[in-house]
Amino acid sequence: MRSAAYLGVAILFILLQSNLFRVLDPLSELLGSRLTHGLTPSLVLPFIIYLGVHEPSMMRGALLAFALGYVQDILSGAPVGLFTFVSVAIWWLSRVAGVRLTAQTALPRMSLALLFAFVQSAIVLILLAVFGNDSQRPVEIGTVVVPHALSTALCAPLVFRIAQRLRPVATPVAAPSEGTAA
């Protein structure tokens, strides 16, 4: 049940982030497109980082990261397998970092999201440069890396808070008292 909730909220995040350009378009008319170019955050990236840091089951976390990457591939028009590979790689790296770091407050959440947004962008750019048909595409995408990473980092505390609400709270099991039949 928890996996379905995670998947449903993450798909909602994917749909929301794919429509954020409608909100940012009037903003770019006010501020100029130079300031808002690449400002759309990745709402799924902090969610994948949350799964890497807080999900106790490695099987569930890896499968959810795979499914989220595959849904991103399908909905974004990216080459099939690009975001699938990147999502699982980011999940694994955040899993490794999760052993050393805890993301309990806003600052570590934002710094993790910023760091992994840069890592995600680097992996995507490298894969597009190596396997892509258009040699100019990585150069064009490279111009949006910094604003994309910053906006993702700013949205990370909200995404972590939503993901934390989906996680069930462990309730202690009462031990049978002495003298009662168990």
N, C-alpha and C. Protein backbone atom coordinates (compact mmCIF):
# COMPACT_ATOMS: atom_id res chain seq x y z
N MET A 1 0.82 -1.19 0.00
CA MET A 1 0.00 0.00 0.00
C MET A 1 0.87 1.26 0.00
N ARG A 2 1.96 1.23 0.79
CA ARG A 2 2.84 2.39 0.86
C ARG A 2 3.50 2.62 -0.49
N SER A 3 3.88 1.54 -1.18
CA SER A 3 4.51 1.69 -2.50
C SER A 3 3.57 2.34 -3.49
N ALA A 4 2.30 1.98 -3.44
CA ALA A 4 1.32 2.59 -4.34
C ALA A 4 1.15 4.07 -4.01
N ALA A 5 1.17 4.42 -2.74
CA ALA A 5 1.06 5.83 -2.35
C ALA A 5 2.29 6.60 -2.84
N TYR A 6 3.48 6.04 -2.64
CA TYR A 6 4.70 6.68 -3.13
C TYR A 6 4.63 6.90 -4.64
N LEU A 7 4.23 5.85 -5.36
CA LEU A 7 4.16 5.93 -6.81
C LEU A 7 3.13 6.95 -7.27
N GLY A 8 1.98 6.97 -6.61
CA GLY A 8 0.93 7.92 -6.98
C GLY A 8 1.36 9.36 -6.76
N VAL A 9 1.96 9.64 -5.61
CA VAL A 9 2.41 11.01 -5.33
C VAL A 9 3.54 11.40 -6.28
N ALA A 10 4.43 10.48 -6.58
CA ALA A 10 5.53 10.79 -7.49
C ALA A 10 5.02 11.05 -8.91
N ILE A 11 4.03 10.31 -9.36
CA ILE A 11 3.45 10.58 -10.67
C ILE A 11 2.76 11.94 -10.67
N LEU A 12 2.12 12.28 -9.57
CA LEU A 12 1.54 13.62 -9.43
C LEU A 12 2.63 14.69 -9.51
N PHE A 13 3.78 14.45 -8.87
CA PHE A 13 4.91 15.38 -8.96
C PHE A 13 5.40 15.51 -10.40
N ILE A 14 5.48 14.40 -11.13
CA ILE A 14 5.93 14.44 -12.52
C ILE A 14 4.98 15.28 -13.36
N LEU A 15 3.68 15.05 -13.18
CA LEU A 15 2.70 15.83 -13.92
C LEU A 15 2.75 17.31 -13.53
N LEU A 16 2.95 17.59 -12.26
CA LEU A 16 3.03 18.97 -11.80
C LEU A 16 4.26 19.67 -12.37
N GLN A 17 5.41 19.00 -12.33
CA GLN A 17 6.62 19.63 -12.84
C GLN A 17 6.58 19.79 -14.35
N SER A 18 5.85 18.93 -15.04
CA SER A 18 5.75 19.08 -16.49
C SER A 18 4.83 20.22 -16.89
N ASN A 19 4.03 20.71 -15.96
CA ASN A 19 3.14 21.84 -16.25
C ASN A 19 3.56 23.13 -15.57
N LEU A 20 4.68 23.14 -14.88
CA LEU A 20 5.14 24.36 -14.21
C LEU A 20 5.53 25.46 -15.19
N PHE A 21 5.82 25.10 -16.43
CA PHE A 21 6.17 26.13 -17.40
C PHE A 21 5.01 27.09 -17.63
N ARG A 22 3.78 26.63 -17.41
CA ARG A 22 2.62 27.51 -17.55
C ARG A 22 2.62 28.60 -16.48
N VAL A 23 3.14 28.29 -15.31
CA VAL A 23 3.24 29.28 -14.24
C VAL A 23 4.45 30.19 -14.47
N LEU A 24 5.54 29.60 -14.97
CA LEU A 24 6.76 30.36 -15.15
C LEU A 24 6.74 31.23 -16.40
N ASP A 25 5.87 30.94 -17.35
CA ASP A 25 5.81 31.73 -18.58
C ASP A 25 5.40 33.18 -18.31
N PRO A 26 4.33 33.44 -17.53
CA PRO A 26 4.04 34.84 -17.21
C PRO A 26 5.15 35.50 -16.39
N LEU A 27 5.82 34.72 -15.58
CA LEU A 27 6.94 35.25 -14.80
C LEU A 27 8.10 35.66 -15.71
N SER A 28 8.32 34.88 -16.77
CA SER A 28 9.40 35.22 -17.70
C SER A 28 9.07 36.47 -18.50
N GLU A 29 7.77 36.74 -18.71
CA GLU A 29 7.39 37.97 -19.39
C GLU A 29 7.66 39.19 -18.51
N LEU A 30 7.50 39.02 -17.20
CA LEU A 30 7.76 40.12 -16.27
C LEU A 30 9.25 40.34 -16.03
N LEU A 31 9.96 39.26 -15.76
CA LEU A 31 11.37 39.36 -15.38
C LEU A 31 12.33 39.23 -16.56
N GLY A 32 11.84 38.68 -17.64
CA GLY A 32 12.70 38.41 -18.78
C GLY A 32 13.08 36.95 -18.81
N SER A 33 13.18 36.42 -20.00
CA SER A 33 13.45 34.98 -20.13
C SER A 33 14.87 34.63 -19.71
N ARG A 34 15.75 35.60 -19.67
CA ARG A 34 17.13 35.33 -19.25
C ARG A 34 17.20 34.91 -17.78
N LEU A 35 16.35 35.51 -16.93
CA LEU A 35 16.35 35.18 -15.51
C LEU A 35 15.58 33.90 -15.19
N THR A 36 14.60 33.55 -16.00
CA THR A 36 13.77 32.39 -15.70
C THR A 36 14.10 31.17 -16.55
N HIS A 37 15.11 31.26 -17.40
CA HIS A 37 15.49 30.15 -18.27
C HIS A 37 16.02 28.98 -17.42
N GLY A 38 15.34 27.84 -17.49
CA GLY A 38 15.76 26.66 -16.76
C GLY A 38 15.35 26.62 -15.31
N LEU A 39 14.41 27.45 -14.92
CA LEU A 39 14.02 27.56 -13.51
C LEU A 39 13.07 26.47 -13.05
N THR A 40 12.57 25.65 -13.95
CA THR A 40 11.64 24.59 -13.58
C THR A 40 12.35 23.54 -12.74
N PRO A 41 11.85 23.27 -11.52
CA PRO A 41 12.52 22.29 -10.65
C PRO A 41 12.14 20.87 -11.00
N SER A 42 12.96 19.96 -10.57
CA SER A 42 12.62 18.55 -10.64
C SER A 42 12.03 18.18 -9.29
N LEU A 43 10.76 17.88 -9.26
CA LEU A 43 10.11 17.51 -8.00
C LEU A 43 10.31 16.04 -7.67
N VAL A 44 10.66 15.25 -8.67
CA VAL A 44 10.85 13.82 -8.47
C VAL A 44 12.23 13.52 -7.89
N LEU A 45 13.21 14.33 -8.23
CA LEU A 45 14.57 14.09 -7.73
C LEU A 45 14.65 14.09 -6.21
N PRO A 46 14.10 15.09 -5.50
CA PRO A 46 14.12 14.99 -4.03
C PRO A 46 13.34 13.79 -3.50
N PHE A 47 12.31 13.38 -4.23
CA PHE A 47 11.55 12.20 -3.82
C PHE A 47 12.41 10.94 -3.92
N ILE A 48 13.20 10.84 -4.99
CA ILE A 48 14.11 9.69 -5.15
C ILE A 48 15.20 9.73 -4.08
N ILE A 49 15.68 10.93 -3.77
CA ILE A 49 16.68 11.06 -2.70
C ILE A 49 16.07 10.63 -1.36
N TYR A 50 14.82 11.03 -1.12
CA TYR A 50 14.13 10.61 0.11
C TYR A 50 14.06 9.09 0.18
N LEU A 51 13.72 8.45 -0.93
CA LEU A 51 13.65 6.99 -0.93
C LEU A 51 15.01 6.37 -0.65
N GLY A 52 16.06 6.97 -1.19
CA GLY A 52 17.40 6.45 -0.95
C GLY A 52 17.84 6.60 0.49
N VAL A 53 17.46 7.70 1.12
CA VAL A 53 17.91 7.97 2.48
C VAL A 53 17.03 7.27 3.51
N HIS A 54 15.71 7.21 3.28
CA HIS A 54 14.79 6.77 4.34
C HIS A 54 14.10 5.42 4.10
N GLU A 55 14.10 4.90 2.91
CA GLU A 55 13.38 3.64 2.65
C GLU A 55 14.21 2.47 3.16
N PRO A 56 13.66 1.69 4.10
CA PRO A 56 14.45 0.58 4.67
C PRO A 56 14.63 -0.60 3.70
N SER A 57 13.68 -0.82 2.82
CA SER A 57 13.75 -1.95 1.90
C SER A 57 14.49 -1.54 0.63
N MET A 58 15.62 -2.18 0.39
CA MET A 58 16.38 -1.87 -0.83
C MET A 58 15.61 -2.27 -2.08
N MET A 59 14.90 -3.38 -2.02
CA MET A 59 14.14 -3.86 -3.18
C MET A 59 13.05 -2.86 -3.53
N ARG A 60 12.29 -2.41 -2.55
CA ARG A 60 11.21 -1.46 -2.80
C ARG A 60 11.76 -0.14 -3.32
N GLY A 61 12.82 0.35 -2.70
CA GLY A 61 13.41 1.62 -3.12
C GLY A 61 13.93 1.59 -4.54
N ALA A 62 14.63 0.52 -4.88
CA ALA A 62 15.17 0.40 -6.24
C ALA A 62 14.05 0.26 -7.27
N LEU A 63 13.04 -0.54 -6.96
CA LEU A 63 11.93 -0.69 -7.90
C LEU A 63 11.13 0.60 -8.06
N LEU A 64 10.94 1.33 -6.98
CA LEU A 64 10.24 2.62 -7.09
C LEU A 64 11.06 3.62 -7.90
N ALA A 65 12.36 3.67 -7.67
CA ALA A 65 13.22 4.57 -8.45
C ALA A 65 13.19 4.18 -9.93
N PHE A 66 13.21 2.89 -10.22
CA PHE A 66 13.13 2.41 -11.59
C PHE A 66 11.80 2.82 -12.23
N ALA A 67 10.70 2.61 -11.50
CA ALA A 67 9.38 2.94 -12.04
C ALA A 67 9.24 4.45 -12.26
N LEU A 68 9.74 5.25 -11.34
CA LEU A 68 9.66 6.71 -11.49
C LEU A 68 10.48 7.18 -12.68
N GLY A 69 11.66 6.61 -12.86
CA GLY A 69 12.48 6.97 -14.02
C GLY A 69 11.81 6.57 -15.32
N TYR A 70 11.17 5.40 -15.31
CA TYR A 70 10.50 4.94 -16.53
C TYR A 70 9.31 5.83 -16.86
N VAL A 71 8.55 6.24 -15.85
CA VAL A 71 7.42 7.15 -16.08
C VAL A 71 7.93 8.49 -16.61
N GLN A 72 9.05 8.96 -16.08
CA GLN A 72 9.64 10.20 -16.59
C GLN A 72 10.07 10.03 -18.04
N ASP A 73 10.65 8.89 -18.39
CA ASP A 73 11.02 8.64 -19.78
C ASP A 73 9.81 8.70 -20.70
N ILE A 74 8.74 8.07 -20.27
CA ILE A 74 7.54 8.02 -21.10
C ILE A 74 6.90 9.40 -21.26
N LEU A 75 6.78 10.13 -20.16
CA LEU A 75 6.09 11.42 -20.20
C LEU A 75 6.95 12.57 -20.71
N SER A 76 8.26 12.44 -20.67
CA SER A 76 9.11 13.56 -21.07
C SER A 76 9.53 13.51 -22.53
N GLY A 77 9.39 12.37 -23.16
CA GLY A 77 9.85 12.26 -24.53
C GLY A 77 11.35 12.04 -24.63
N ALA A 78 11.98 11.75 -23.52
CA ALA A 78 13.41 11.47 -23.50
C ALA A 78 13.64 10.07 -24.07
N PRO A 79 14.87 9.79 -24.48
CA PRO A 79 15.16 8.43 -24.93
C PRO A 79 14.81 7.43 -23.83
N VAL A 80 14.15 6.35 -24.20
CA VAL A 80 13.72 5.36 -23.22
C VAL A 80 14.95 4.78 -22.53
N GLY A 81 14.92 4.84 -21.24
CA GLY A 81 16.01 4.31 -20.44
C GLY A 81 16.91 5.38 -19.85
N LEU A 82 16.85 6.61 -20.36
CA LEU A 82 17.73 7.67 -19.86
C LEU A 82 17.40 8.01 -18.41
N PHE A 83 16.18 8.43 -18.14
CA PHE A 83 15.81 8.78 -16.77
C PHE A 83 15.65 7.55 -15.89
N THR A 84 15.37 6.40 -16.49
CA THR A 84 15.32 5.16 -15.72
C THR A 84 16.69 4.88 -15.12
N PHE A 85 17.70 4.94 -15.96
CA PHE A 85 19.07 4.71 -15.49
C PHE A 85 19.49 5.77 -14.49
N VAL A 86 19.21 7.03 -14.80
CA VAL A 86 19.63 8.13 -13.92
C VAL A 86 18.91 8.05 -12.58
N SER A 87 17.63 7.70 -12.57
CA SER A 87 16.88 7.62 -11.31
C SER A 87 17.43 6.52 -10.41
N VAL A 88 17.71 5.37 -10.98
CA VAL A 88 18.27 4.28 -10.17
C VAL A 88 19.67 4.63 -9.69
N ALA A 89 20.46 5.29 -10.54
CA ALA A 89 21.81 5.71 -10.12
C ALA A 89 21.75 6.73 -9.00
N ILE A 90 20.85 7.70 -9.10
CA ILE A 90 20.70 8.70 -8.05
C ILE A 90 20.19 8.06 -6.77
N TRP A 91 19.24 7.11 -6.89
CA TRP A 91 18.74 6.41 -5.71
C TRP A 91 19.90 5.68 -5.01
N TRP A 92 20.71 4.98 -5.80
CA TRP A 92 21.82 4.23 -5.22
C TRP A 92 22.83 5.16 -4.55
N LEU A 93 23.17 6.27 -5.22
CA LEU A 93 24.13 7.22 -4.64
C LEU A 93 23.57 7.85 -3.36
N SER A 94 22.27 8.15 -3.36
CA SER A 94 21.68 8.73 -2.14
C SER A 94 21.59 7.67 -1.05
N ARG A 95 21.45 6.42 -1.43
CA ARG A 95 21.46 5.33 -0.45
C ARG A 95 22.83 5.25 0.23
N VAL A 96 23.87 5.38 -0.58
CA VAL A 96 25.23 5.36 -0.04
C VAL A 96 25.45 6.59 0.84
N ALA A 97 24.99 7.74 0.39
CA ALA A 97 25.14 8.97 1.18
C ALA A 97 24.25 8.93 2.42
N GLY A 98 23.12 8.24 2.35
CA GLY A 98 22.19 8.16 3.47
C GLY A 98 22.77 7.44 4.66
N VAL A 99 23.76 6.58 4.42
CA VAL A 99 24.41 5.89 5.52
C VAL A 99 25.21 6.90 6.34
N ARG A 100 25.77 7.90 5.68
CA ARG A 100 26.61 8.88 6.35
C ARG A 100 25.85 10.14 6.77
N LEU A 101 24.80 10.46 6.05
CA LEU A 101 24.09 11.72 6.29
C LEU A 101 22.65 11.43 6.70
N THR A 102 22.11 12.30 7.47
CA THR A 102 20.69 12.24 7.74
C THR A 102 20.08 13.53 7.26
N ALA A 103 18.94 13.43 6.62
CA ALA A 103 18.27 14.60 6.07
C ALA A 103 17.08 14.95 6.96
N GLN A 104 17.37 15.44 8.14
CA GLN A 104 16.31 15.74 9.10
C GLN A 104 15.85 17.19 9.07
N THR A 105 16.71 18.10 8.64
CA THR A 105 16.35 19.51 8.61
C THR A 105 16.40 20.02 7.18
N ALA A 106 15.96 21.25 7.00
CA ALA A 106 15.85 21.81 5.65
C ALA A 106 17.21 21.98 4.98
N LEU A 107 18.23 22.40 5.71
CA LEU A 107 19.53 22.65 5.09
C LEU A 107 20.16 21.39 4.50
N PRO A 108 20.22 20.26 5.23
CA PRO A 108 20.75 19.05 4.59
C PRO A 108 19.88 18.56 3.43
N ARG A 109 18.58 18.73 3.53
CA ARG A 109 17.70 18.33 2.43
C ARG A 109 18.00 19.15 1.18
N MET A 110 18.14 20.45 1.37
CA MET A 110 18.42 21.32 0.24
C MET A 110 19.81 21.05 -0.34
N SER A 111 20.78 20.82 0.52
CA SER A 111 22.13 20.56 0.02
C SER A 111 22.21 19.22 -0.69
N LEU A 112 21.53 18.21 -0.17
CA LEU A 112 21.47 16.92 -0.87
C LEU A 112 20.80 17.07 -2.23
N ALA A 113 19.70 17.79 -2.28
CA ALA A 113 19.00 17.99 -3.55
C ALA A 113 19.86 18.77 -4.53
N LEU A 114 20.56 19.79 -4.06
CA LEU A 114 21.44 20.57 -4.94
C LEU A 114 22.56 19.70 -5.49
N LEU A 115 23.21 18.96 -4.61
CA LEU A 115 24.31 18.09 -5.03
C LEU A 115 23.82 17.05 -6.04
N PHE A 116 22.72 16.39 -5.74
CA PHE A 116 22.24 15.34 -6.63
C PHE A 116 21.61 15.90 -7.91
N ALA A 117 21.14 17.14 -7.89
CA ALA A 117 20.67 17.76 -9.14
C ALA A 117 21.84 17.99 -10.08
N PHE A 118 22.98 18.40 -9.52
CA PHE A 118 24.17 18.55 -10.35
C PHE A 118 24.66 17.19 -10.86
N VAL A 119 24.63 16.18 -10.00
CA VAL A 119 25.04 14.83 -10.42
C VAL A 119 24.10 14.31 -11.50
N GLN A 120 22.79 14.49 -11.31
CA GLN A 120 21.83 14.04 -12.31
C GLN A 120 22.06 14.75 -13.65
N SER A 121 22.28 16.05 -13.60
CA SER A 121 22.53 16.80 -14.83
C SER A 121 23.81 16.33 -15.52
N ALA A 122 24.84 16.07 -14.74
CA ALA A 122 26.10 15.59 -15.32
C ALA A 122 25.91 14.23 -16.00
N ILE A 123 25.18 13.33 -15.35
CA ILE A 123 24.95 12.01 -15.95
C ILE A 123 24.14 12.14 -17.23
N VAL A 124 23.09 12.96 -17.21
CA VAL A 124 22.25 13.14 -18.40
C VAL A 124 23.07 13.75 -19.53
N LEU A 125 23.85 14.79 -19.23
CA LEU A 125 24.65 15.43 -20.27
C LEU A 125 25.68 14.48 -20.86
N ILE A 126 26.32 13.69 -20.02
CA ILE A 126 27.32 12.73 -20.52
C ILE A 126 26.65 11.68 -21.40
N LEU A 127 25.52 11.15 -20.95
CA LEU A 127 24.83 10.13 -21.75
C LEU A 127 24.32 10.69 -23.07
N LEU A 128 23.82 11.92 -23.05
CA LEU A 128 23.36 12.54 -24.31
C LEU A 128 24.53 12.83 -25.24
N ALA A 129 25.67 13.23 -24.69
CA ALA A 129 26.84 13.51 -25.52
C ALA A 129 27.38 12.24 -26.16
N VAL A 130 27.36 11.15 -25.39
CA VAL A 130 27.90 9.89 -25.91
C VAL A 130 26.93 9.19 -26.86
N PHE A 131 25.66 9.10 -26.46
CA PHE A 131 24.72 8.31 -27.23
C PHE A 131 23.74 9.12 -28.07
N GLY A 132 23.72 10.43 -27.92
CA GLY A 132 22.75 11.25 -28.64
C GLY A 132 23.11 11.47 -30.10
N ASN A 133 22.10 11.82 -30.87
CA ASN A 133 22.30 12.08 -32.29
C ASN A 133 22.73 13.52 -32.56
N ASP A 134 22.28 14.45 -31.72
CA ASP A 134 22.54 15.86 -31.91
C ASP A 134 23.67 16.29 -30.98
N SER A 135 24.77 16.78 -31.55
CA SER A 135 25.91 17.16 -30.72
C SER A 135 25.70 18.50 -30.02
N GLN A 136 24.74 19.31 -30.45
CA GLN A 136 24.47 20.59 -29.82
C GLN A 136 23.54 20.47 -28.61
N ARG A 137 22.79 19.40 -28.51
CA ARG A 137 21.82 19.26 -27.43
C ARG A 137 22.46 19.33 -26.04
N PRO A 138 23.57 18.63 -25.77
CA PRO A 138 24.18 18.77 -24.43
C PRO A 138 24.63 20.20 -24.12
N VAL A 139 25.07 20.93 -25.15
CA VAL A 139 25.48 22.32 -24.94
C VAL A 139 24.27 23.17 -24.57
N GLU A 140 23.16 22.96 -25.27
CA GLU A 140 21.93 23.71 -24.97
C GLU A 140 21.39 23.37 -23.60
N ILE A 141 21.41 22.10 -23.25
CA ILE A 141 20.90 21.67 -21.94
C ILE A 141 21.81 22.15 -20.83
N GLY A 142 23.10 22.26 -21.11
CA GLY A 142 24.06 22.71 -20.10
C GLY A 142 23.78 24.11 -19.57
N THR A 143 23.05 24.92 -20.33
CA THR A 143 22.76 26.28 -19.87
C THR A 143 21.70 26.32 -18.78
N VAL A 144 20.95 25.25 -18.59
CA VAL A 144 19.88 25.25 -17.59
C VAL A 144 20.24 24.48 -16.32
N VAL A 145 21.46 23.98 -16.24
CA VAL A 145 21.85 23.13 -15.11
C VAL A 145 21.79 23.88 -13.78
N VAL A 146 22.38 25.05 -13.71
CA VAL A 146 22.45 25.78 -12.43
C VAL A 146 21.07 26.25 -11.97
N PRO A 147 20.26 26.92 -12.83
CA PRO A 147 18.93 27.32 -12.34
C PRO A 147 18.05 26.13 -11.98
N HIS A 148 18.17 25.06 -12.73
CA HIS A 148 17.39 23.85 -12.45
C HIS A 148 17.79 23.26 -11.09
N ALA A 149 19.08 23.21 -10.82
CA ALA A 149 19.56 22.66 -9.55
C ALA A 149 19.14 23.54 -8.38
N LEU A 150 19.22 24.84 -8.53
CA LEU A 150 18.82 25.75 -7.45
C LEU A 150 17.33 25.66 -7.16
N SER A 151 16.51 25.61 -8.20
CA SER A 151 15.06 25.52 -7.97
C SER A 151 14.68 24.16 -7.39
N THR A 152 15.39 23.11 -7.77
CA THR A 152 15.15 21.80 -7.19
C THR A 152 15.50 21.80 -5.70
N ALA A 153 16.61 22.43 -5.36
CA ALA A 153 17.02 22.51 -3.95
C ALA A 153 16.02 23.30 -3.13
N LEU A 154 15.45 24.35 -3.69
CA LEU A 154 14.46 25.13 -2.96
C LEU A 154 13.17 24.36 -2.73
N CYS A 155 12.82 23.47 -3.64
CA CYS A 155 11.59 22.68 -3.50
C CYS A 155 11.78 21.42 -2.66
N ALA A 156 13.02 21.04 -2.40
CA ALA A 156 13.31 19.78 -1.70
C ALA A 156 12.68 19.67 -0.32
N PRO A 157 12.71 20.69 0.55
CA PRO A 157 12.09 20.51 1.87
C PRO A 157 10.59 20.21 1.79
N LEU A 158 9.89 20.83 0.86
CA LEU A 158 8.47 20.55 0.69
C LEU A 158 8.23 19.11 0.22
N VAL A 159 9.03 18.66 -0.73
CA VAL A 159 8.89 17.29 -1.24
C VAL A 159 9.21 16.28 -0.15
N PHE A 160 10.26 16.53 0.63
CA PHE A 160 10.62 15.63 1.73
C PHE A 160 9.49 15.57 2.76
N ARG A 161 8.88 16.72 3.06
CA ARG A 161 7.79 16.75 4.03
C ARG A 161 6.60 15.94 3.54
N ILE A 162 6.27 16.07 2.26
CA ILE A 162 5.15 15.30 1.69
C ILE A 162 5.48 13.81 1.71
N ALA A 163 6.70 13.46 1.34
CA ALA A 163 7.09 12.05 1.34
C ALA A 163 7.11 11.47 2.75
N GLN A 164 7.47 12.29 3.72
CA GLN A 164 7.50 11.82 5.11
C GLN A 164 6.10 11.53 5.63
N ARG A 165 5.12 12.28 5.14
CA ARG A 165 3.73 12.03 5.56
C ARG A 165 3.20 10.71 5.02
N LEU A 166 3.78 10.23 3.92
CA LEU A 166 3.35 8.95 3.35
C LEU A 166 3.92 7.76 4.12
N ARG A 167 4.99 8.01 4.85
CA ARG A 167 5.65 6.95 5.59
C ARG A 167 4.85 6.63 6.84
N PRO A 168 4.54 5.36 7.05
CA PRO A 168 3.75 5.00 8.24
C PRO A 168 4.57 5.22 9.51
N VAL A 169 3.86 5.63 10.54
CA VAL A 169 4.50 5.84 11.84
C VAL A 169 4.52 4.50 12.57
N ALA A 170 5.67 4.15 13.08
CA ALA A 170 5.79 2.89 13.80
C ALA A 170 5.13 3.03 15.16
N THR A 171 4.18 2.17 15.42
CA THR A 171 3.52 2.18 16.72
C THR A 171 4.05 1.01 17.53
N PRO A 172 4.41 1.26 18.77
CA PRO A 172 4.95 0.17 19.58
C PRO A 172 3.87 -0.87 19.88
N VAL A 173 4.28 -2.12 19.83
CA VAL A 173 3.36 -3.22 20.13
C VAL A 173 3.41 -3.48 21.62
N ALA A 174 2.25 -3.47 22.25
CA ALA A 174 2.20 -3.69 23.69
C ALA A 174 2.49 -5.15 24.00
N ALA A 175 3.39 -5.36 24.91
CA ALA A 175 3.73 -6.72 25.32
C ALA A 175 2.65 -7.21 26.29
N PRO A 176 2.34 -8.50 26.21
CA PRO A 176 1.34 -9.01 27.15
C PRO A 176 1.85 -8.90 28.59
N SER A 177 0.97 -8.51 29.48
CA SER A 177 1.38 -8.34 30.87
C SER A 177 1.50 -9.70 31.54
N GLU A 178 2.17 -9.73 32.67
CA GLU A 178 2.40 -10.97 33.38
C GLU A 178 1.10 -11.52 33.93
N GLY A 179 0.99 -12.79 33.89
CA GLY A 179 -0.18 -13.44 34.47
C GLY A 179 -1.35 -13.57 33.51
N THR A 180 -1.25 -13.03 32.30
CA THR A 180 -2.34 -13.18 31.34
C THR A 180 -1.95 -14.23 30.32
N ALA A 181 -2.94 -14.88 29.81
CA ALA A 181 -2.68 -15.89 28.79
C ALA A 181 -2.40 -15.20 27.46
N ALA A 182 -1.35 -15.63 26.83
CA ALA A 182 -0.98 -15.00 25.56
C ALA A 182 -1.58 -15.73 24.40
